[in-house]
Amino acid sequence: MSILIKPNDAAWLFMEQREMPTHIGCLAIFSLPPDAPSDYLLQMAARFRATRIFAPPFNYRLQRGALRKLLPAWEELSPDRIDLDYHFRHSALPQPGGERELGTLISRLHSYPLDRRRPLWEVHLIEGLENRRFALYTKLHHSQIDGVGGARMIQGSMSTDPEARNLAPPWEGRRAEGGERRARPRPMPLRQVLREQVQALVPAVKTLVSGPAQEHEDETARPFAAPMTPFNGRILGKRRFATQHYELDRIKRVARIAGVTLNDVFMALCSGALRRYLGELGQLPEASLTAGMPVSVRPAGDQSVGNAISFIMAQLHTEIADPLERLKACHASAQAAKQPLQQLPKAAINHYTMMLMTPQMLQVSLGLGGYTRPMYNLIISNVPGPSETLYLNGARLEQIYPISLLFNGQALNISVVSYAGSFCLGFTGCRDSLPSMQKIAVYTGEALEELERVLGIAVEKAA
């Protein structure tokens, strides 16, 4: 059965190159159950390997043929044609099994592209993490899933019940509660794909060419007006990954007292960290850095294959020294960035997104990225995760981190997932372009402390 890939999803295939793989990943860190036997992870690995049920997209492979280079499609494989030993791997960290060793392994696993001759996914069970912990690293191609869809997929393979056992691995696609599987997409005829592309074209074009409303004009981040920075040159294939996590209540408290949104605070943390990092390098531009920000348009409960995202661009106001003034400016910029999407009918969002992002796709595909002015300086992405604590066969999920992709002209991505009272940031960078990327991760925490100080939150907590 052939399943034609929608243009918005196929774009990730067209842009992919050896030095620029277009997969995304998720790092989930668990603590072992108190009563876990010494062979707990061996037993889990054996149960996972015994599962020969593959739900979409884990049973999809790119169809071959000359036509498919222009109109790519998935073919559905039977279980006997999927080499599970290749896709699922069990490994251990070298001693002492700390964050450094885990980060080194994840950076290496995330650096190499997925094999297009096989279904485009890998799952790695990683033991040996200190303090009785282990990790699960999942890697899928962005043509098959976006961040919100990935978070829901991970959530669906776990349970809120710490006593639940024999849970299915991610590739089986069965939800932890209720036993429901992800919906299997129906084949999409070419005629339907073409019809969808012309529907609602008029409002999408009108929104794109009309520009921002007058009241938002000064705060609008315009495409390809971003200043050049060390993040915007050519990149190589090796990746570096770093993490930070904070209590979600700290972020919410800053947002409430400052009168802004949680995402505005996230923008300000990134802005403060990047301002300090570039300042130390002596390369802080006078103009504000701009961020590309994915926006989910995925309906609640939707776990279908493919992407359901649009993009907005916002100024990070790295030119502003005062942290509270910078936060307020980020809020104003985010409000301006949301305005075009808010006026669009839902049916036109995909068309608007495709037209908005086509110049960057062409820039990357033609090899111009890193030589010409970037569409934006970096991507920052906020993915809402589950609010309840989750368990995998009794093992408590402690943190969950997003791992993203990079292009020539965009050597840094900062993504965050909120989960069960935690705010988990993942920093994906080009190893060669940003050798001291860990500093950016550390500086986000210091930017949060700075905002708390100027808002008087530290004084309130002490009282």
Protein backbone atom coordinates (compact mmCIF):
# COMPACT_ATOMS: atom_id res chain seq x y z
CA MET A 1 0.00 0.00 0.00
CA SER A 2 1.38 3.42 -1.01
CA ILE A 3 0.71 6.46 1.16
CA LEU A 4 1.57 9.71 -0.56
CA ILE A 5 3.49 12.10 1.70
CA LYS A 6 2.03 15.59 2.09
CA PRO A 7 4.21 18.44 0.80
CA ASN A 8 4.75 19.93 4.27
CA ASP A 9 6.11 16.56 5.45
CA ALA A 10 8.05 15.79 2.27
CA ALA A 11 9.97 19.07 2.66
CA TRP A 12 11.98 17.51 5.49
CA LEU A 13 13.07 14.74 3.10
CA PHE A 14 14.03 17.16 0.34
CA MET A 15 16.14 19.31 2.69
CA GLU A 16 18.02 16.43 4.25
CA GLN A 17 21.74 16.02 3.51
CA ARG A 18 24.43 13.90 5.10
CA GLU A 19 25.70 16.78 7.24
CA MET A 20 22.13 17.92 7.95
CA PRO A 21 19.97 14.94 8.98
CA THR A 22 16.34 15.91 9.54
CA HIS A 23 15.34 13.59 12.34
CA ILE A 24 14.20 14.64 15.80
CA GLY A 25 14.67 12.80 19.06
CA CYS A 26 13.52 12.44 22.63
CA LEU A 27 15.59 11.58 25.70
CA ALA A 28 13.56 10.16 28.58
CA ILE A 29 15.30 9.53 31.93
CA PHE A 30 13.80 7.04 34.39
CA SER A 31 14.50 5.90 37.94
CA LEU A 32 14.33 2.18 38.64
CA PRO A 33 11.46 0.88 40.81
CA PRO A 34 12.48 0.39 44.46
CA ASP A 35 12.00 -3.38 44.15
CA ALA A 36 13.65 -3.75 40.74
CA PRO A 37 15.69 -6.98 40.41
CA SER A 38 19.26 -6.84 39.13
CA ASP A 39 18.13 -8.00 35.67
CA TYR A 40 15.21 -5.53 35.43
CA LEU A 41 16.49 -3.86 32.25
CA LEU A 42 17.47 -7.18 30.67
CA GLN A 43 13.90 -8.37 31.21
CA MET A 44 12.50 -5.14 29.74
CA ALA A 45 14.75 -5.43 26.70
CA ALA A 46 13.67 -9.04 26.18
CA ARG A 47 9.97 -8.06 26.37
CA PHE A 48 10.52 -5.25 23.92
CA ARG A 49 12.31 -7.55 21.45
CA ALA A 50 9.46 -10.03 21.67
CA THR A 51 7.00 -7.40 20.47
CA ARG A 52 6.55 -7.84 16.72
CA ILE A 53 3.65 -5.42 16.27
CA PHE A 54 4.55 -2.21 14.44
CA ALA A 55 2.13 0.70 14.28
CA PRO A 56 2.51 3.66 11.92
CA PRO A 57 5.00 5.23 11.38
CA PHE A 58 7.24 2.43 12.70
CA ASN A 59 6.23 0.13 9.82
CA TYR A 60 6.68 2.75 7.08
CA ARG A 61 9.56 2.80 4.64
CA LEU A 62 10.18 5.24 1.82
CA GLN A 63 9.00 3.75 -1.45
CA ARG A 64 11.66 3.48 -4.13
CA GLY A 65 11.51 4.52 -7.77
CA ALA A 66 12.27 7.54 -9.96
CA LEU A 67 8.81 9.03 -9.51
CA ARG A 68 9.16 8.86 -5.74
CA LYS A 69 12.06 11.31 -5.81
CA LEU A 70 9.53 13.97 -6.82
CA LEU A 71 6.40 12.59 -5.14
CA PRO A 72 7.65 10.59 -2.14
CA ALA A 73 5.39 8.00 -0.58
CA TRP A 74 5.47 5.49 2.26
CA GLU A 75 5.07 1.77 1.78
CA GLU A 76 3.76 -0.30 4.66
CA LEU A 77 5.97 -3.23 5.66
CA SER A 78 4.83 -6.47 7.20
CA PRO A 79 6.45 -7.33 10.57
CA ASP A 80 8.70 -10.02 9.06
CA ARG A 81 10.35 -7.35 6.85
CA ILE A 82 11.39 -5.16 9.79
CA ASP A 83 14.75 -5.95 11.42
CA LEU A 84 13.97 -5.16 15.07
CA ASP A 85 17.53 -5.89 16.18
CA TYR A 86 18.66 -3.00 13.98
CA HIS A 87 16.04 -0.52 15.20
CA PHE A 88 16.08 -1.38 18.93
CA ARG A 89 19.42 -1.33 20.72
CA HIS A 90 20.45 -1.93 24.32
CA SER A 91 23.67 -0.33 25.54
CA ALA A 92 25.39 0.84 28.74
CA LEU A 93 27.22 4.01 29.73
CA PRO A 94 30.86 3.95 30.83
CA GLN A 95 31.48 4.71 34.50
CA PRO A 96 30.62 6.89 36.33
CA GLY A 97 27.44 7.12 34.21
CA GLY A 98 26.89 10.82 34.83
CA GLU A 99 25.29 13.54 32.74
CA ARG A 100 28.54 14.03 30.82
CA GLU A 101 28.70 10.40 29.69
CA LEU A 102 25.02 10.37 28.78
CA GLY A 103 25.32 13.65 26.86
CA THR A 104 28.32 12.32 24.92
CA LEU A 105 26.43 9.19 23.87
CA ILE A 106 23.25 11.05 22.89
CA SER A 107 25.29 13.59 20.90
CA ARG A 108 26.88 10.74 18.94
CA LEU A 109 23.62 8.85 18.35
CA HIS A 110 21.89 12.00 17.16
CA SER A 111 24.67 12.93 14.72
CA TYR A 112 24.23 10.29 12.04
CA PRO A 113 21.23 10.15 9.65
CA LEU A 114 18.61 7.43 9.60
CA ASP A 115 18.92 4.74 6.93
CA ARG A 116 16.37 5.44 4.19
CA ARG A 117 16.44 1.78 3.13
CA ARG A 118 14.66 0.95 6.40
CA PRO A 119 11.82 2.41 8.46
CA LEU A 120 13.06 5.76 9.76
CA TRP A 121 13.36 5.18 13.50
CA GLU A 122 15.59 3.91 16.30
CA VAL A 123 15.00 3.24 20.00
CA HIS A 124 17.96 2.96 22.39
CA LEU A 125 17.64 1.56 25.92
CA ILE A 126 20.60 2.93 27.90
CA GLU A 127 21.56 1.57 31.30
CA GLY A 128 24.36 2.50 33.69
CA LEU A 129 23.15 6.01 34.56
CA GLU A 130 24.14 6.91 38.12
CA ASN A 131 21.66 6.97 41.03
CA ARG A 132 19.72 3.89 39.83
CA ARG A 133 18.55 5.51 36.61
CA PHE A 134 18.36 4.56 32.94
CA ALA A 135 17.40 6.34 29.74
CA LEU A 136 15.39 5.74 26.59
CA TYR A 137 16.44 7.64 23.46
CA THR A 138 13.94 7.61 20.60
CA LYS A 139 14.80 8.93 17.14
CA LEU A 140 12.31 9.48 14.29
CA HIS A 141 12.34 11.37 11.02
CA HIS A 142 10.69 14.79 11.06
CA SER A 143 8.73 13.89 7.91
CA GLN A 144 6.76 11.48 10.10
CA ILE A 145 6.20 13.42 13.30
CA ASP A 146 6.47 16.80 14.99
CA GLY A 147 7.31 17.66 18.58
CA VAL A 148 3.78 17.60 19.94
CA GLY A 149 3.00 14.34 18.12
CA GLY A 150 6.20 12.83 19.49
CA ALA A 151 5.36 13.88 23.05
CA ARG A 152 1.93 12.28 22.75
CA MET A 153 3.49 9.13 21.30
CA ILE A 154 5.86 8.83 24.27
CA GLN A 155 3.04 9.53 26.69
CA GLY A 156 0.92 6.85 25.05
CA SER A 157 3.54 4.16 25.68
CA MET A 158 3.55 4.79 29.46
CA SER A 159 1.10 4.71 32.34
CA THR A 160 0.13 6.93 35.25
CA ASP A 161 -0.08 3.73 37.35
CA PRO A 162 3.26 2.83 39.01
CA GLU A 163 2.03 -0.76 39.36
CA ALA A 164 1.34 -1.27 35.66
CA ARG A 165 3.64 -3.84 34.04
CA ASN A 166 4.17 -5.42 30.60
CA LEU A 167 3.62 -2.10 28.83
CA ALA A 168 4.18 -2.06 25.10
CA PRO A 169 7.31 -0.50 23.54
CA PRO A 170 6.81 2.73 21.53
CA TRP A 171 6.67 0.94 18.17
CA GLU A 172 3.59 -1.10 19.09
CA GLY A 173 1.56 2.08 19.27
CA ARG A 174 -0.82 0.92 22.00
CA ARG A 175 -1.80 3.47 24.60
CA ALA A 176 -0.99 2.69 28.20
CA GLU A 177 -4.62 3.04 29.29
CA GLY A 178 -7.60 1.89 27.30
CA GLY A 179 -5.70 -0.32 24.86
CA GLU A 180 -6.40 2.00 21.92
CA ARG A 181 -3.94 2.16 19.05
CA ARG A 182 -2.96 5.20 17.04
CA ALA A 183 -5.15 5.78 14.06
CA ARG A 184 -3.89 4.24 10.83
CA PRO A 185 -3.93 6.88 8.09
CA ARG A 186 -5.92 6.26 4.95
CA PRO A 187 -4.09 6.30 1.62
CA MET A 188 -4.29 9.75 0.03
CA PRO A 189 -4.84 9.90 -3.75
CA LEU A 190 -2.81 12.44 -5.70
CA ARG A 191 -6.00 14.24 -6.75
CA GLN A 192 -6.92 14.80 -3.11
CA VAL A 193 -3.46 16.12 -2.29
CA LEU A 194 -3.65 18.61 -5.16
CA ARG A 195 -7.15 19.67 -4.19
CA GLU A 196 -6.03 20.35 -0.63
CA GLN A 197 -3.23 22.57 -1.90
CA VAL A 198 -5.59 24.92 -3.72
CA GLN A 199 -8.28 25.06 -1.05
CA ALA A 200 -8.18 28.18 1.10
CA LEU A 201 -5.32 29.56 -1.01
CA VAL A 202 -6.79 33.05 -1.17
CA PRO A 203 -6.79 33.76 2.62
CA ALA A 204 -3.30 32.28 2.97
CA VAL A 205 -1.87 34.49 0.22
CA LYS A 206 -3.72 37.53 1.53
CA THR A 207 -2.31 37.09 5.03
CA LEU A 208 1.20 36.53 3.75
CA VAL A 209 1.32 39.62 1.50
CA SER A 210 -0.69 42.00 3.68
CA GLY A 211 2.00 42.15 6.36
CA PRO A 212 1.49 42.90 10.04
CA ALA A 213 -1.25 45.09 11.42
CA GLN A 214 -0.11 48.67 11.95
CA GLU A 215 -0.12 48.38 15.75
CA HIS A 216 2.28 45.41 15.55
CA GLU A 217 4.55 46.67 12.78
CA ASP A 218 7.45 47.79 15.00
CA GLU A 219 7.58 44.47 16.88
CA THR A 220 7.36 42.19 13.85
CA ALA A 221 10.38 40.00 13.04
CA ARG A 222 10.76 40.08 9.28
CA PRO A 223 12.15 37.09 7.32
CA PHE A 224 15.82 37.36 6.32
CA ALA A 225 16.34 40.52 8.39
CA ALA A 226 18.17 38.70 11.19
CA PRO A 227 21.75 39.79 11.95
CA MET A 228 24.60 37.39 11.24
CA THR A 229 25.94 35.59 14.33
CA PRO A 230 28.16 32.56 15.07
CA PHE A 231 24.95 30.49 14.93
CA ASN A 232 24.41 31.29 11.26
CA GLY A 233 27.38 29.88 9.36
CA ARG A 234 28.02 26.50 7.77
CA ILE A 235 27.74 23.41 9.92
CA LEU A 236 29.10 19.88 9.96
CA GLY A 237 27.32 16.68 10.90
CA LYS A 238 28.52 16.17 14.47
CA ARG A 239 26.11 17.32 17.15
CA ARG A 240 26.42 18.44 20.75
CA PHE A 241 23.53 18.05 23.20
CA ALA A 242 23.03 19.66 26.60
CA THR A 243 20.16 19.79 29.09
CA GLN A 244 18.81 21.93 31.90
CA HIS A 245 15.67 21.54 33.96
CA TYR A 246 13.87 23.84 36.37
CA GLU A 247 10.74 23.65 38.49
CA LEU A 248 7.78 24.64 36.35
CA ASP A 249 6.36 26.65 39.26
CA ARG A 250 9.36 29.00 39.05
CA ILE A 251 8.56 29.76 35.41
CA LYS A 252 4.86 30.21 36.14
CA ARG A 253 5.60 32.51 39.09
CA VAL A 254 7.73 34.81 36.94
CA ALA A 255 5.05 34.84 34.23
CA ARG A 256 2.27 35.63 36.71
CA ILE A 257 4.07 38.47 38.49
CA ALA A 258 5.36 39.99 35.23
CA GLY A 259 1.96 39.70 33.54
CA VAL A 260 3.23 37.64 30.59
CA THR A 261 2.89 34.06 29.35
CA LEU A 262 5.00 31.05 30.19
CA ASN A 263 6.34 31.02 26.62
CA ASP A 264 7.34 34.69 26.97
CA VAL A 265 9.48 33.72 29.97
CA PHE A 266 11.05 30.91 27.94
CA MET A 267 11.89 33.43 25.19
CA ALA A 268 13.44 35.77 27.76
CA LEU A 269 15.58 32.97 29.25
CA CYS A 270 16.91 32.14 25.79
CA SER A 271 17.43 35.82 25.03
CA GLY A 272 19.35 36.45 28.24
CA ALA A 273 21.55 33.40 27.73
CA LEU A 274 22.33 34.25 24.09
CA ARG A 275 23.01 37.90 24.91
CA ARG A 276 25.58 36.90 27.53
CA TYR A 277 27.15 34.17 25.36
CA LEU A 278 27.58 36.45 22.33
CA GLY A 279 28.74 39.31 24.54
CA GLU A 280 31.54 37.17 25.96
CA LEU A 281 32.59 36.32 22.40
CA GLY A 282 32.53 40.00 21.47
CA GLN A 283 29.96 39.22 18.77
CA LEU A 284 26.68 40.56 20.17
CA PRO A 285 24.97 42.42 17.29
CA GLU A 286 23.30 45.77 17.83
CA ALA A 287 20.11 44.47 16.24
CA SER A 288 17.89 41.93 17.98
CA LEU A 289 18.28 38.24 17.28
CA THR A 290 15.14 36.65 15.85
CA ALA A 291 13.73 33.22 16.57
CA GLY A 292 11.69 30.85 14.45
CA MET A 293 9.03 29.30 16.68
CA PRO A 294 6.99 26.23 15.66
CA VAL A 295 3.31 26.47 16.60
CA SER A 296 1.27 23.28 16.94
CA VAL A 297 -2.06 23.09 15.12
CA ARG A 298 -2.57 19.45 16.08
CA PRO A 299 -6.07 18.78 17.52
CA ALA A 300 -6.34 17.36 21.02
CA GLY A 301 -5.98 13.58 21.01
CA ASP A 302 -4.56 13.48 17.47
CA GLN A 303 -1.63 11.02 17.17
CA SER A 304 -1.61 10.72 13.40
CA VAL A 305 1.54 10.41 11.31
CA GLY A 306 3.00 13.62 9.90
CA ASN A 307 3.39 17.23 10.97
CA ALA A 308 0.72 19.59 12.22
CA ILE A 309 2.74 22.75 12.79
CA SER A 310 3.03 26.28 11.53
CA PHE A 311 5.76 28.85 12.21
CA ILE A 312 5.97 32.33 13.61
CA MET A 313 9.00 34.59 13.92
CA ALA A 314 9.66 36.82 16.91
CA GLN A 315 12.35 39.20 18.09
CA LEU A 316 14.30 38.05 21.16
CA HIS A 317 15.41 41.61 21.95
CA THR A 318 18.96 40.65 22.80
CA GLU A 319 19.85 44.32 22.35
CA ILE A 320 18.10 45.21 25.64
CA ALA A 321 20.28 45.01 28.76
CA ASP A 322 17.56 45.27 31.44
CA PRO A 323 16.10 41.75 32.04
CA LEU A 324 12.57 42.89 32.92
CA GLU A 325 12.40 45.32 30.01
CA ARG A 326 13.68 42.51 27.76
CA LEU A 327 10.95 40.17 29.03
CA LYS A 328 8.25 42.75 28.32
CA ALA A 329 9.68 43.30 24.84
CA CYS A 330 9.68 39.56 24.16
CA HIS A 331 6.02 39.47 25.17
CA ALA A 332 5.16 42.29 22.74
CA SER A 333 7.08 40.60 19.94
CA ALA A 334 5.35 37.27 20.54
CA GLN A 335 1.93 38.95 20.45
CA ALA A 336 2.81 40.54 17.12
CA ALA A 337 4.08 37.23 15.74
CA LYS A 338 0.85 35.41 16.60
CA GLN A 339 -1.40 37.93 14.88
CA PRO A 340 -1.20 36.52 11.29
CA LEU A 341 -2.05 32.97 12.40
CA GLN A 342 -4.93 34.14 14.58
CA GLN A 343 -6.70 35.70 11.60
CA LEU A 344 -6.36 32.65 9.35
CA PRO A 345 -9.05 29.98 8.93
CA LYS A 346 -7.79 26.59 10.02
CA ALA A 347 -7.94 25.16 6.49
CA ALA A 348 -5.48 27.82 5.25
CA ILE A 349 -2.75 27.32 7.86
CA ASN A 350 -0.89 24.58 5.99
CA HIS A 351 -0.79 26.66 2.81
CA TYR A 352 0.35 29.76 4.69
CA THR A 353 3.09 27.73 6.39
CA MET A 354 4.31 26.22 3.13
CA MET A 355 4.50 29.62 1.43
CA LEU A 356 6.16 31.25 4.44
CA MET A 357 8.85 28.57 4.75
CA THR A 358 9.51 27.89 1.05
CA PRO A 359 12.28 30.54 0.80
CA GLN A 360 14.19 28.90 3.65
CA MET A 361 13.64 25.43 2.23
CA LEU A 362 15.07 26.61 -1.08
CA GLN A 363 17.97 28.32 0.67
CA VAL A 364 18.87 25.08 2.45
CA SER A 365 18.22 22.79 -0.51
CA LEU A 366 20.32 24.93 -2.89
CA GLY A 367 23.27 24.96 -0.49
CA LEU A 368 23.04 28.70 0.23
CA GLY A 369 22.49 28.36 3.97
CA GLY A 370 25.37 29.82 5.95
CA TYR A 371 26.48 32.01 3.03
CA THR A 372 23.47 34.32 2.92
CA ARG A 373 21.51 36.15 5.60
CA PRO A 374 19.42 33.68 7.63
CA MET A 375 15.64 33.71 7.72
CA TYR A 376 16.03 33.75 11.53
CA ASN A 377 18.93 33.14 13.90
CA LEU A 378 17.73 29.98 15.64
CA ILE A 379 14.64 27.94 16.42
CA ILE A 380 13.19 27.88 19.91
CA SER A 381 10.32 25.49 20.49
CA ASN A 382 7.97 24.98 23.43
CA VAL A 383 6.22 21.59 23.55
CA PRO A 384 3.58 21.05 26.25
CA GLY A 385 4.07 17.62 27.79
CA PRO A 386 2.01 15.50 30.18
CA SER A 387 1.15 17.11 33.51
CA GLU A 388 0.90 13.79 35.40
CA THR A 389 3.84 11.63 36.48
CA LEU A 390 4.32 8.70 34.09
CA TYR A 391 5.79 5.23 34.60
CA LEU A 392 7.29 2.64 32.28
CA ASN A 393 6.82 -0.81 33.80
CA GLY A 394 7.11 0.72 37.27
CA ALA A 395 10.07 2.97 36.44
CA ARG A 396 9.29 6.62 37.13
CA LEU A 397 9.84 9.08 34.30
CA GLU A 398 11.97 11.83 35.88
CA GLN A 399 12.76 14.12 32.95
CA ILE A 400 12.05 14.23 29.24
CA TYR A 401 14.13 16.30 26.82
CA PRO A 402 13.53 17.21 23.15
CA ILE A 403 16.43 16.88 20.68
CA SER A 404 16.08 18.73 17.40
CA LEU A 405 17.66 19.26 13.99
CA LEU A 406 19.99 21.86 12.47
CA PHE A 407 20.70 23.35 9.04
CA ASN A 408 23.42 25.34 7.38
CA GLY A 409 22.72 28.84 8.62
CA GLN A 410 21.17 27.59 11.86
CA ALA A 411 23.61 25.86 14.22
CA LEU A 412 21.56 26.03 17.44
CA ASN A 413 18.12 24.85 18.52
CA ILE A 414 16.63 25.30 22.00
CA SER A 415 13.51 23.26 22.75
CA VAL A 416 11.61 22.70 25.98
CA VAL A 417 9.06 20.19 27.25
CA SER A 418 6.99 20.82 30.36
CA TYR A 419 6.35 17.60 32.27
CA ALA A 420 4.86 16.87 35.72
CA GLY A 421 6.05 20.09 37.31
CA SER A 422 9.39 20.24 35.46
CA PHE A 423 10.56 22.56 32.67
CA CYS A 424 13.05 20.47 30.66
CA LEU A 425 15.27 22.28 28.13
CA GLY A 426 17.21 20.51 25.38
CA PHE A 427 20.02 22.34 23.55
CA THR A 428 21.04 20.90 20.17
CA GLY A 429 24.08 22.48 18.54
CA CYS A 430 26.71 21.93 15.87
CA ARG A 431 29.75 20.54 17.65
CA ASP A 432 32.20 22.45 15.44
CA SER A 433 30.38 25.79 15.34
CA LEU A 434 29.55 25.97 19.06
CA PRO A 435 32.29 24.20 21.03
CA SER A 436 31.19 25.88 24.30
CA MET A 437 27.45 25.37 23.87
CA GLN A 438 27.12 24.14 27.48
CA LYS A 439 27.59 27.74 28.57
CA ILE A 440 24.33 28.71 26.87
CA ALA A 441 22.51 26.00 28.83
CA VAL A 442 24.00 27.23 32.12
CA TYR A 443 23.23 30.85 31.31
CA THR A 444 19.49 30.14 30.93
CA GLY A 445 19.40 29.21 34.63
CA GLU A 446 21.23 32.39 35.55
CA ALA A 447 18.81 34.39 33.40
CA LEU A 448 15.94 32.86 35.38
CA GLU A 449 17.58 33.81 38.67
CA GLU A 450 18.10 37.34 37.38
CA LEU A 451 14.41 37.71 36.53
CA GLU A 452 13.45 36.38 39.96
CA ARG A 453 15.69 38.94 41.63
CA VAL A 454 14.35 41.96 39.73
CA LEU A 455 10.76 40.81 40.37
CA GLY A 456 11.43 40.35 44.09
CA ILE A 457 10.59 36.65 43.94
CA ALA A 458 13.70 35.57 45.85
CA VAL A 459 12.69 37.88 48.71
CA GLU A 460 9.17 36.46 48.75
CA LYS A 461 10.49 32.87 48.85
CA ALA A 462 12.84 33.69 51.74
CA ALA A 463 9.97 35.20 53.73
